[in-house]
PDB file of N, CA and C in Angstrom:
ATOM      1  N   UNK A   1     -44.956 -17.071  -0.569  1.00  0.00           N
ATOM      2  CA  UNK A   1     -44.152 -15.847  -0.667  1.00  0.00           C
ATOM      3  C   UNK A   1     -43.347 -15.684   0.596  1.00  0.00           C
ATOM      4  N   UNK A   2     -42.120 -15.233   0.424  1.00  0.00           N
ATOM      5  CA  UNK A   2     -41.279 -15.014   1.597  1.00  0.00           C
ATOM      6  C   UNK A   2     -41.783 -13.869   2.485  1.00  0.00           C
ATOM      7  N   UNK A   3     -41.344 -13.827   3.684  1.00  0.00           N
ATOM      8  CA  UNK A   3     -41.686 -12.719   4.610  1.00  0.00           C
ATOM      9  C   UNK A   3     -41.118 -11.431   4.034  1.00  0.00           C
ATOM     10  N   UNK A   4     -41.920 -10.426   3.870  1.00  0.00           N
ATOM     11  CA  UNK A   4     -41.471  -9.162   3.273  1.00  0.00           C
ATOM     12  C   UNK A   4     -41.266  -8.097   4.306  1.00  0.00           C
ATOM     13  N   UNK A   5     -40.251  -7.253   4.133  1.00  0.00           N
ATOM     14  CA  UNK A   5     -39.959  -6.132   5.022  1.00  0.00           C
ATOM     15  C   UNK A   5     -40.555  -4.883   4.395  1.00  0.00           C
ATOM     16  N   UNK A   6     -41.815  -4.569   4.820  1.00  0.00           N
ATOM     17  CA  UNK A   6     -42.525  -3.404   4.283  1.00  0.00           C
ATOM     18  C   UNK A   6     -41.995  -2.092   4.864  1.00  0.00           C
ATOM     19  N   UNK A   7     -41.816  -1.119   3.997  1.00  0.00           N
ATOM     20  CA  UNK A   7     -41.361   0.194   4.380  1.00  0.00           C
ATOM     21  C   UNK A   7     -42.331   1.247   3.827  1.00  0.00           C
ATOM     22  N   UNK A   8     -42.444   2.341   4.583  1.00  0.00           N
ATOM     23  CA  UNK A   8     -43.290   3.439   4.126  1.00  0.00           C
ATOM     24  C   UNK A   8     -42.519   4.729   4.266  1.00  0.00           C
ATOM     25  N   UNK A   9     -42.911   5.775   3.512  1.00  0.00           N
ATOM     26  CA  UNK A   9     -42.191   7.021   3.632  1.00  0.00           C
ATOM     27  C   UNK A   9     -42.224   7.608   5.053  1.00  0.00           C
ATOM     28  N   UNK A  10     -41.153   8.245   5.437  1.00  0.00           N
ATOM     29  CA  UNK A  10     -41.110   8.877   6.757  1.00  0.00           C
ATOM     30  C   UNK A  10     -42.186   9.918   6.918  1.00  0.00           C
ATOM     31  N   UNK A  11     -42.602  10.564   5.837  1.00  0.00           N
ATOM     32  CA  UNK A  11     -43.627  11.596   5.865  1.00  0.00           C
ATOM     33  C   UNK A  11     -44.992  11.050   6.313  1.00  0.00           C
ATOM     34  N   UNK A  12     -45.190   9.786   6.214  1.00  0.00           N
ATOM     35  CA  UNK A  12     -46.445   9.149   6.607  1.00  0.00           C
ATOM     36  C   UNK A  12     -46.584   9.045   8.122  1.00  0.00           C
ATOM     37  N   UNK A  13     -45.464   8.911   8.789  1.00  0.00           N
ATOM     38  CA  UNK A  13     -45.532   8.713  10.263  1.00  0.00           C
ATOM     39  C   UNK A  13     -46.387   7.539  10.583  1.00  0.00           C
ATOM     40  N   UNK A  14     -47.387   7.732  11.447  1.00  0.00           N
ATOM     41  CA  UNK A  14     -48.276   6.660  11.839  1.00  0.00           C
ATOM     42  C   UNK A  14     -49.606   6.726  11.056  1.00  0.00           C
ATOM     43  N   UNK A  15     -49.597   7.451   9.935  1.00  0.00           N
ATOM     44  CA  UNK A  15     -50.817   7.621   9.159  1.00  0.00           C
ATOM     45  C   UNK A  15     -51.280   6.259   8.591  1.00  0.00           C
ATOM     46  N   UNK A  16     -52.583   6.228   8.245  1.00  0.00           N
ATOM     47  CA  UNK A  16     -53.175   4.986   7.724  1.00  0.00           C
ATOM     48  C   UNK A  16     -53.405   4.999   6.235  1.00  0.00           C
ATOM     49  N   UNK A  17     -52.976   6.003   5.526  1.00  0.00           N
ATOM     50  CA  UNK A  17     -53.198   6.066   4.072  1.00  0.00           C
ATOM     51  C   UNK A  17     -51.850   6.325   3.408  1.00  0.00           C
ATOM     52  N   UNK A  18     -51.012   5.287   3.423  1.00  0.00           N
ATOM     53  CA  UNK A  18     -49.641   5.440   2.916  1.00  0.00           C
ATOM     54  C   UNK A  18     -49.261   4.312   1.959  1.00  0.00           C
ATOM     55  N   UNK A  19     -48.408   4.651   0.992  1.00  0.00           N
ATOM     56  CA  UNK A  19     -47.832   3.587   0.148  1.00  0.00           C
ATOM     57  C   UNK A  19     -46.796   2.814   0.949  1.00  0.00           C
ATOM     58  N   UNK A  20     -46.713   1.520   0.684  1.00  0.00           N
ATOM     59  CA  UNK A  20     -45.708   0.704   1.340  1.00  0.00           C
ATOM     60  C   UNK A  20     -44.972  -0.105   0.253  1.00  0.00           C
ATOM     61  N   UNK A  21     -43.680  -0.302   0.466  1.00  0.00           N
ATOM     62  CA  UNK A  21     -42.849  -0.951  -0.524  1.00  0.00           C
ATOM     63  C   UNK A  21     -42.005  -2.021   0.187  1.00  0.00           C
ATOM     64  N   UNK A  22     -41.841  -3.173  -0.486  1.00  0.00           N
ATOM     65  CA  UNK A  22     -40.921  -4.200  -0.020  1.00  0.00           C
ATOM     66  C   UNK A  22     -40.059  -4.620  -1.235  1.00  0.00           C
ATOM     67  N   UNK A  23     -38.758  -4.581  -1.048  1.00  0.00           N
ATOM     68  CA  UNK A  23     -37.849  -4.889  -2.159  1.00  0.00           C
ATOM     69  C   UNK A  23     -37.089  -6.188  -1.844  1.00  0.00           C
ATOM     70  N   UNK A  24     -37.118  -7.084  -2.821  1.00  0.00           N
ATOM     71  CA  UNK A  24     -36.375  -8.306  -2.688  1.00  0.00           C
ATOM     72  C   UNK A  24     -35.345  -8.381  -3.822  1.00  0.00           C
ATOM     73  N   UNK A  25     -34.598  -9.417  -3.916  1.00  0.00           N
ATOM     74  CA  UNK A  25     -33.588  -9.556  -4.988  1.00  0.00           C
ATOM     75  C   UNK A  25     -34.238  -9.697  -6.350  1.00  0.00           C
ATOM     76  N   UNK A  26     -35.473 -10.215  -6.380  1.00  0.00           N
ATOM     77  CA  UNK A  26     -36.130 -10.537  -7.662  1.00  0.00           C
ATOM     78  C   UNK A  26     -37.276  -9.603  -8.020  1.00  0.00           C
ATOM     79  N   UNK A  27     -37.805  -8.876  -7.041  1.00  0.00           N
ATOM     80  CA  UNK A  27     -39.018  -8.086  -7.338  1.00  0.00           C
ATOM     81  C   UNK A  27     -39.188  -6.941  -6.363  1.00  0.00           C
ATOM     82  N   UNK A  28     -40.094  -6.029  -6.720  1.00  0.00           N
ATOM     83  CA  UNK A  28     -40.489  -4.967  -5.817  1.00  0.00           C
ATOM     84  C   UNK A  28     -42.000  -5.067  -5.647  1.00  0.00           C
ATOM     85  N   UNK A  29     -42.427  -5.074  -4.415  1.00  0.00           N
ATOM     86  CA  UNK A  29     -43.847  -5.223  -4.066  1.00  0.00           C
ATOM     87  C   UNK A  29     -44.352  -3.877  -3.520  1.00  0.00           C
ATOM     88  N   UNK A  30     -45.538  -3.480  -3.945  1.00  0.00           N
ATOM     89  CA  UNK A  30     -46.114  -2.244  -3.482  1.00  0.00           C
ATOM     90  C   UNK A  30     -47.582  -2.509  -3.035  1.00  0.00           C
ATOM     91  N   UNK A  31     -48.003  -1.751  -2.055  1.00  0.00           N
ATOM     92  CA  UNK A  31     -49.402  -1.860  -1.535  1.00  0.00           C
ATOM     93  C   UNK A  31     -49.765  -0.562  -0.862  1.00  0.00           C
ATOM     94  N   UNK A  32     -50.995  -0.434  -0.533  1.00  0.00           N
ATOM     95  CA  UNK A  32     -51.522   0.673   0.241  1.00  0.00           C
ATOM     96  C   UNK A  32     -51.722   0.198   1.645  1.00  0.00           C
ATOM     97  N   UNK A  33     -51.412   1.028   2.621  1.00  0.00           N
ATOM     98  CA  UNK A  33     -51.660   0.595   4.022  1.00  0.00           C
ATOM     99  C   UNK A  33     -53.130   0.450   4.293  1.00  0.00           C
ATOM    100  N   UNK A  34     -54.014   1.019   3.437  1.00  0.00           N
ATOM    101  CA  UNK A  34     -55.433   0.883   3.595  1.00  0.00           C
ATOM    102  C   UNK A  34     -55.916  -0.531   3.165  1.00  0.00           C
ATOM    103  N   UNK A  35     -55.216  -1.146   2.214  1.00  0.00           N
ATOM    104  CA  UNK A  35     -55.592  -2.436   1.720  1.00  0.00           C
ATOM    105  C   UNK A  35     -54.261  -3.323   1.629  1.00  0.00           C
ATOM    106  N   UNK A  36     -53.780  -3.735   2.772  1.00  0.00           N
ATOM    107  CA  UNK A  36     -52.478  -4.449   2.797  1.00  0.00           C
ATOM    108  C   UNK A  36     -52.533  -5.825   2.088  1.00  0.00           C
ATOM    109  N   UNK A  37     -53.670  -6.364   1.878  1.00  0.00           N
ATOM    110  CA  UNK A  37     -53.748  -7.676   1.217  1.00  0.00           C
ATOM    111  C   UNK A  37     -53.676  -7.510  -0.334  1.00  0.00           C
ATOM    112  N   UNK A  38     -53.862  -6.334  -0.850  1.00  0.00           N
ATOM    113  CA  UNK A  38     -53.801  -6.055  -2.319  1.00  0.00           C
ATOM    114  C   UNK A  38     -52.354  -5.633  -2.649  1.00  0.00           C
ATOM    115  N   UNK A  39     -51.578  -6.579  -3.082  1.00  0.00           N
ATOM    116  CA  UNK A  39     -50.170  -6.393  -3.358  1.00  0.00           C
ATOM    117  C   UNK A  39     -49.878  -6.458  -4.825  1.00  0.00           C
ATOM    118  N   UNK A  40     -49.158  -5.466  -5.367  1.00  0.00           N
ATOM    119  CA  UNK A  40     -48.721  -5.528  -6.733  1.00  0.00           C
ATOM    120  C   UNK A  40     -47.215  -5.905  -6.771  1.00  0.00           C
ATOM    121  N   UNK A  41     -46.875  -6.773  -7.684  1.00  0.00           N
ATOM    122  CA  UNK A  41     -45.487  -7.191  -7.831  1.00  0.00           C
ATOM    123  C   UNK A  41     -44.927  -6.633  -9.159  1.00  0.00           C
ATOM    124  N   UNK A  42     -43.801  -5.942  -9.010  1.00  0.00           N
ATOM    125  CA  UNK A  42     -43.169  -5.301 -10.195  1.00  0.00           C
ATOM    126  C   UNK A  42     -41.787  -5.883 -10.357  1.00  0.00           C
ATOM    127  N   UNK A  43     -41.342  -5.916 -11.588  1.00  0.00           N
ATOM    128  CA  UNK A  43     -39.930  -6.250 -11.801  1.00  0.00           C
ATOM    129  C   UNK A  43     -39.113  -4.999 -11.459  1.00  0.00           C
ATOM    130  N   UNK A  44     -37.836  -5.147 -11.331  1.00  0.00           N
ATOM    131  CA  UNK A  44     -36.986  -3.970 -11.004  1.00  0.00           C
ATOM    132  C   UNK A  44     -37.060  -2.958 -12.144  1.00  0.00           C
ATOM    133  N   UNK A  45     -37.183  -3.364 -13.381  1.00  0.00           N
ATOM    134  CA  UNK A  45     -37.335  -2.450 -14.504  1.00  0.00           C
ATOM    135  C   UNK A  45     -38.661  -1.684 -14.411  1.00  0.00           C
ATOM    136  N   UNK A  46     -39.721  -2.399 -14.128  1.00  0.00           N
ATOM    137  CA  UNK A  46     -41.015  -1.728 -13.978  1.00  0.00           C
ATOM    138  C   UNK A  46     -40.968  -0.711 -12.828  1.00  0.00           C
ATOM    139  N   UNK A  47     -40.284  -1.083 -11.725  1.00  0.00           N
ATOM    140  CA  UNK A  47     -40.171  -0.207 -10.587  1.00  0.00           C
ATOM    141  C   UNK A  47     -39.416   1.109 -10.968  1.00  0.00           C
ATOM    142  N   UNK A  48     -38.295   0.937 -11.695  1.00  0.00           N
ATOM    143  CA  UNK A  48     -37.527   2.092 -12.129  1.00  0.00           C
ATOM    144  C   UNK A  48     -38.380   2.966 -13.053  1.00  0.00           C
ATOM    145  N   UNK A  49     -39.107   2.356 -13.979  1.00  0.00           N
ATOM    146  CA  UNK A  49     -39.972   3.119 -14.860  1.00  0.00           C
ATOM    147  C   UNK A  49     -41.073   3.859 -14.108  1.00  0.00           C
ATOM    148  N   UNK A  50     -41.649   3.230 -13.121  1.00  0.00           N
ATOM    149  CA  UNK A  50     -42.673   3.871 -12.286  1.00  0.00           C
ATOM    150  C   UNK A  50     -42.067   5.082 -11.586  1.00  0.00           C
ATOM    151  N   UNK A  51     -40.926   4.927 -10.934  1.00  0.00           N
ATOM    152  CA  UNK A  51     -40.306   6.037 -10.234  1.00  0.00           C
ATOM    153  C   UNK A  51     -39.953   7.170 -11.205  1.00  0.00           C
ATOM    154  N   UNK A  52     -39.430   6.834 -12.368  1.00  0.00           N
ATOM    155  CA  UNK A  52     -39.079   7.883 -13.371  1.00  0.00           C
ATOM    156  C   UNK A  52     -40.353   8.635 -13.790  1.00  0.00           C
ATOM    157  N   UNK A  53     -41.462   7.945 -13.991  1.00  0.00           N
ATOM    158  CA  UNK A  53     -42.705   8.554 -14.366  1.00  0.00           C
ATOM    159  C   UNK A  53     -43.203   9.494 -13.283  1.00  0.00           C
ATOM    160  N   UNK A  54     -43.096   9.106 -12.015  1.00  0.00           N
ATOM    161  CA  UNK A  54     -43.518   9.934 -10.921  1.00  0.00           C
ATOM    162  C   UNK A  54     -42.630  11.191 -10.874  1.00  0.00           C
ATOM    163  N   UNK A  55     -41.330  11.034 -10.979  1.00  0.00           N
ATOM    164  CA  UNK A  55     -40.428  12.166 -10.943  1.00  0.00           C
ATOM    165  C   UNK A  55     -40.670  13.148 -12.110  1.00  0.00           C
ATOM    166  N   UNK A  56     -41.034  12.576 -13.264  1.00  0.00           N
ATOM    167  CA  UNK A  56     -41.258  13.412 -14.434  1.00  0.00           C
ATOM    168  C   UNK A  56     -42.687  13.987 -14.546  1.00  0.00           C
ATOM    169  N   UNK A  57     -43.495  13.716 -13.523  1.00  0.00           N
ATOM    170  CA  UNK A  57     -44.837  14.285 -13.508  1.00  0.00           C
ATOM    171  C   UNK A  57     -45.821  13.597 -14.429  1.00  0.00           C
ATOM    172  N   UNK A  58     -45.527  12.400 -14.880  1.00  0.00           N
ATOM    173  CA  UNK A  58     -46.447  11.755 -15.840  1.00  0.00           C
ATOM    174  C   UNK A  58     -47.809  11.403 -15.208  1.00  0.00           C
ATOM    175  N   UNK A  59     -47.914  11.383 -13.903  1.00  0.00           N
ATOM    176  CA  UNK A  59     -49.152  10.998 -13.245  1.00  0.00           C
ATOM    177  C   UNK A  59     -49.862  12.172 -12.586  1.00  0.00           C
ATOM    178  N   UNK A  60     -49.332  13.392 -12.778  1.00  0.00           N
ATOM    179  CA  UNK A  60     -49.934  14.573 -12.200  1.00  0.00           C
ATOM    180  C   UNK A  60     -51.265  14.862 -12.874  1.00  0.00           C
ATOM    181  N   UNK A  61     -52.223  15.223 -12.071  1.00  0.00           N
ATOM    182  CA  UNK A  61     -53.559  15.515 -12.624  1.00  0.00           C
ATOM    183  C   UNK A  61     -53.627  16.930 -13.217  1.00  0.00           C
TER     184      UNK A  61
END
């Protein structure tokens, strides 16, 4: 796997419990800063669907 440029939300600051995202031309990778070795790979369509679901409250408890 190529070297990934991981980014986290500005709201996390230096926190240790943050989502991290790396975007390449072919895929979007997500992980938790608590478990950086556990990486999920999404297609760009899956990534857009995930973001739409979050915005629409589909994952709210």
